[in-house]
Amino acid sequence: MNIRAATALILAFASMSSAAWSAESRPKVASEIETLERAWSTAFLNHDTATIARILADDFVGIDGRGVVSDKSHEIEEAKAPAAGSTPGAYVIVSETLSDVRVRSYGDAAVLTAINTARISDQGEEEVVRYRRTTVYVRRSGKWQCVSFHGSRILDPAH
């Protein structure tokens, strides 16, 4: 075997190994991202601001289904439990369920899309609303963090 053939064989093997590694790592990344997304949701409902602070990047920007733009500090503030004896805010998420979760990864970036079904209380009136959500995560120094979120309300076709 000459050097050119040996080099070609080594390069072919290396590229197959790299492709196999990437294919194997995709499900792991999708699982990690979905776990983070669900942890964020649970943390918000449980007023766990430390978990939210860990998941959201310092440069996070979010736009919720009402069109409200927020940053990390606003998200943390909104997740805090109301003070004892105070009246809950005008718009309170009581529960939420994520479904149709899909994750696409692009190296050190990942995009999650899902349907969010939330039970909300608005001025004491409860209703169920559904949103399509898109969340962008970036891996920095080996750690995944959310850098962007957007929610769009799914309107009832009858309206």
Protein backbone atom coordinates (compact mmCIF):
# COMPACT_ATOMS: atom_id res chain seq x y z
CA MET A 1 0.00 0.00 0.00
CA ASN A 2 1.46 3.34 -0.96
CA ILE A 3 1.40 6.45 1.23
CA ARG A 4 -1.34 8.11 -0.80
CA ALA A 5 -3.67 5.10 -0.43
CA ALA A 6 -2.90 4.79 3.31
CA THR A 7 -3.59 8.51 3.83
CA ALA A 8 -6.89 8.23 1.94
CA LEU A 9 -7.89 5.24 4.05
CA ILE A 10 -7.05 7.04 7.31
CA LEU A 11 -8.96 10.17 6.24
CA ALA A 12 -11.97 8.10 5.22
CA PHE A 13 -11.97 6.30 8.57
CA ALA A 14 -11.57 9.57 10.50
CA SER A 15 -14.47 11.23 8.69
CA MET A 16 -16.71 8.19 9.31
CA SER A 17 -15.80 8.24 13.02
CA SER A 18 -16.53 11.96 13.22
CA ALA A 19 -19.89 11.53 11.47
CA ALA A 20 -20.80 8.64 13.76
CA TRP A 21 -19.87 10.69 16.83
CA SER A 22 -21.99 13.61 15.65
CA ALA A 23 -24.98 11.36 14.95
CA GLU A 24 -24.62 9.72 18.37
CA SER A 25 -24.29 13.06 20.17
CA ARG A 26 -27.44 14.57 18.61
CA PRO A 27 -29.88 12.56 20.75
CA LYS A 28 -27.84 13.46 23.84
CA VAL A 29 -27.98 17.17 22.99
CA ALA A 30 -31.73 16.97 22.30
CA SER A 31 -32.27 15.28 25.65
CA GLU A 32 -30.15 17.86 27.49
CA ILE A 33 -31.99 20.77 25.87
CA GLU A 34 -35.45 19.31 26.49
CA THR A 35 -34.49 18.66 30.12
CA LEU A 36 -33.38 22.28 30.51
CA GLU A 37 -36.59 23.57 28.93
CA ARG A 38 -38.76 21.48 31.25
CA ALA A 39 -36.62 22.48 34.24
CA TRP A 40 -37.14 26.16 33.36
CA SER A 41 -40.91 25.63 33.20
CA THR A 42 -40.96 23.77 36.52
CA ALA A 43 -38.69 26.35 38.16
CA PHE A 44 -40.97 29.18 37.05
CA LEU A 45 -44.05 27.47 38.49
CA ASN A 46 -42.19 26.66 41.75
CA HIS A 47 -40.63 30.15 42.07
CA ASP A 48 -37.14 28.58 41.87
CA THR A 49 -35.23 31.66 40.79
CA ALA A 50 -31.81 30.04 41.31
CA THR A 51 -32.57 27.43 38.64
CA ILE A 52 -33.87 30.09 36.27
CA ALA A 53 -30.72 32.18 36.84
CA ARG A 54 -28.58 29.15 35.97
CA ILE A 55 -30.55 28.28 32.79
CA LEU A 56 -30.81 31.79 31.33
CA ALA A 57 -27.72 33.45 29.87
CA ASP A 58 -26.87 36.94 31.05
CA ASP A 59 -27.69 38.25 27.55
CA PHE A 60 -31.07 36.43 27.39
CA VAL A 61 -33.90 38.14 25.51
CA GLY A 62 -37.43 36.77 25.57
CA ILE A 63 -40.72 37.70 23.92
CA ASP A 64 -43.74 36.02 25.44
CA GLY A 65 -47.06 35.26 23.78
CA ARG A 66 -48.41 38.66 24.85
CA GLY A 67 -45.55 40.40 23.04
CA VAL A 68 -43.83 41.38 26.31
CA VAL A 69 -40.06 41.66 25.90
CA SER A 70 -37.96 40.57 28.86
CA ASP A 71 -34.39 39.99 29.92
CA LYS A 72 -32.87 37.67 32.51
CA SER A 73 -33.53 39.97 35.47
CA HIS A 74 -37.17 40.46 34.43
CA GLU A 75 -37.69 36.70 34.09
CA ILE A 76 -36.25 36.11 37.55
CA GLU A 77 -38.38 38.88 39.05
CA GLU A 78 -41.52 37.54 37.38
CA ALA A 79 -40.83 34.05 38.75
CA LYS A 80 -40.57 35.18 42.37
CA ALA A 81 -43.33 34.05 44.71
CA PRO A 82 -45.77 36.81 45.66
CA ALA A 83 -45.19 38.23 49.12
CA ALA A 84 -47.33 36.69 51.85
CA GLY A 85 -50.74 38.37 51.98
CA SER A 86 -50.27 40.21 48.68
CA THR A 87 -52.63 39.98 45.75
CA PRO A 88 -51.29 37.86 42.88
CA GLY A 89 -50.36 39.74 39.72
CA ALA A 90 -52.76 40.39 36.88
CA TYR A 91 -51.33 37.56 34.74
CA VAL A 92 -50.29 34.39 36.55
CA ILE A 93 -49.32 31.07 34.98
CA VAL A 94 -50.96 28.41 37.15
CA SER A 95 -49.71 25.35 35.24
CA GLU A 96 -48.25 24.47 31.89
CA THR A 97 -47.52 21.40 29.80
CA LEU A 98 -45.05 21.12 26.94
CA SER A 99 -45.84 18.87 23.99
CA ASP A 100 -44.64 18.31 20.43
CA VAL A 101 -41.09 19.07 21.62
CA ARG A 102 -38.45 19.07 18.88
CA VAL A 103 -34.78 19.96 19.14
CA ARG A 104 -32.41 20.71 16.29
CA SER A 105 -28.73 21.08 17.14
CA TYR A 106 -26.08 23.02 15.26
CA GLY A 107 -22.79 22.42 17.05
CA ASP A 108 -22.78 24.80 20.00
CA ALA A 109 -26.32 26.05 19.31
CA ALA A 110 -29.66 24.30 19.59
CA VAL A 111 -33.22 25.35 18.77
CA LEU A 112 -36.18 23.87 20.62
CA THR A 113 -39.74 24.20 19.39
CA ALA A 114 -42.79 23.03 21.31
CA ILE A 115 -46.43 23.62 22.07
CA ASN A 116 -47.06 25.09 25.50
CA THR A 117 -50.53 24.58 26.99
CA ALA A 118 -50.89 26.88 29.99
CA ARG A 119 -53.61 27.49 32.51
CA ILE A 120 -53.46 31.15 33.40
CA SER A 121 -55.24 33.42 35.81
CA ASP A 122 -55.79 36.92 34.50
CA GLN A 123 -57.45 39.30 36.95
CA GLY A 124 -58.87 36.24 38.74
CA GLU A 125 -60.37 34.71 35.58
CA GLU A 126 -58.82 31.39 34.56
CA GLU A 127 -58.40 30.21 31.00
CA VAL A 128 -56.32 27.73 29.03
CA VAL A 129 -54.09 29.19 26.33
CA ARG A 130 -51.80 27.48 23.85
CA TYR A 131 -48.56 28.84 22.46
CA ARG A 132 -45.97 27.75 19.97
CA ARG A 133 -42.61 28.40 21.54
CA THR A 134 -39.13 28.65 20.12
CA THR A 135 -36.14 28.65 22.45
CA VAL A 136 -32.52 29.06 21.44
CA TYR A 137 -29.72 27.57 23.55
CA VAL A 138 -25.98 28.15 23.17
CA ARG A 139 -23.19 26.06 24.68
CA ARG A 140 -20.52 28.27 26.25
CA SER A 141 -17.60 26.77 28.15
CA GLY A 142 -19.32 23.39 27.98
CA LYS A 143 -22.56 24.64 29.55
CA TRP A 144 -25.91 25.05 27.73
CA GLN A 145 -27.81 28.27 28.43
CA CYS A 146 -30.93 29.83 26.97
CA VAL A 147 -30.21 33.03 25.03
CA SER A 148 -33.59 33.63 23.40
CA PHE A 149 -37.25 32.70 23.72
CA HIS A 150 -40.29 33.57 21.64
CA GLY A 151 -43.89 32.52 22.17
CA SER A 152 -46.76 32.95 19.71
CA ARG A 153 -50.31 32.33 20.83
CA ILE A 154 -52.25 29.67 18.93
CA LEU A 155 -55.60 31.24 18.19
CA ASP A 156 -58.81 29.25 18.04
CA PRO A 157 -59.75 29.00 14.34
CA ALA A 158 -63.28 30.16 15.24
CA HIS A 159 -61.94 33.63 16.13
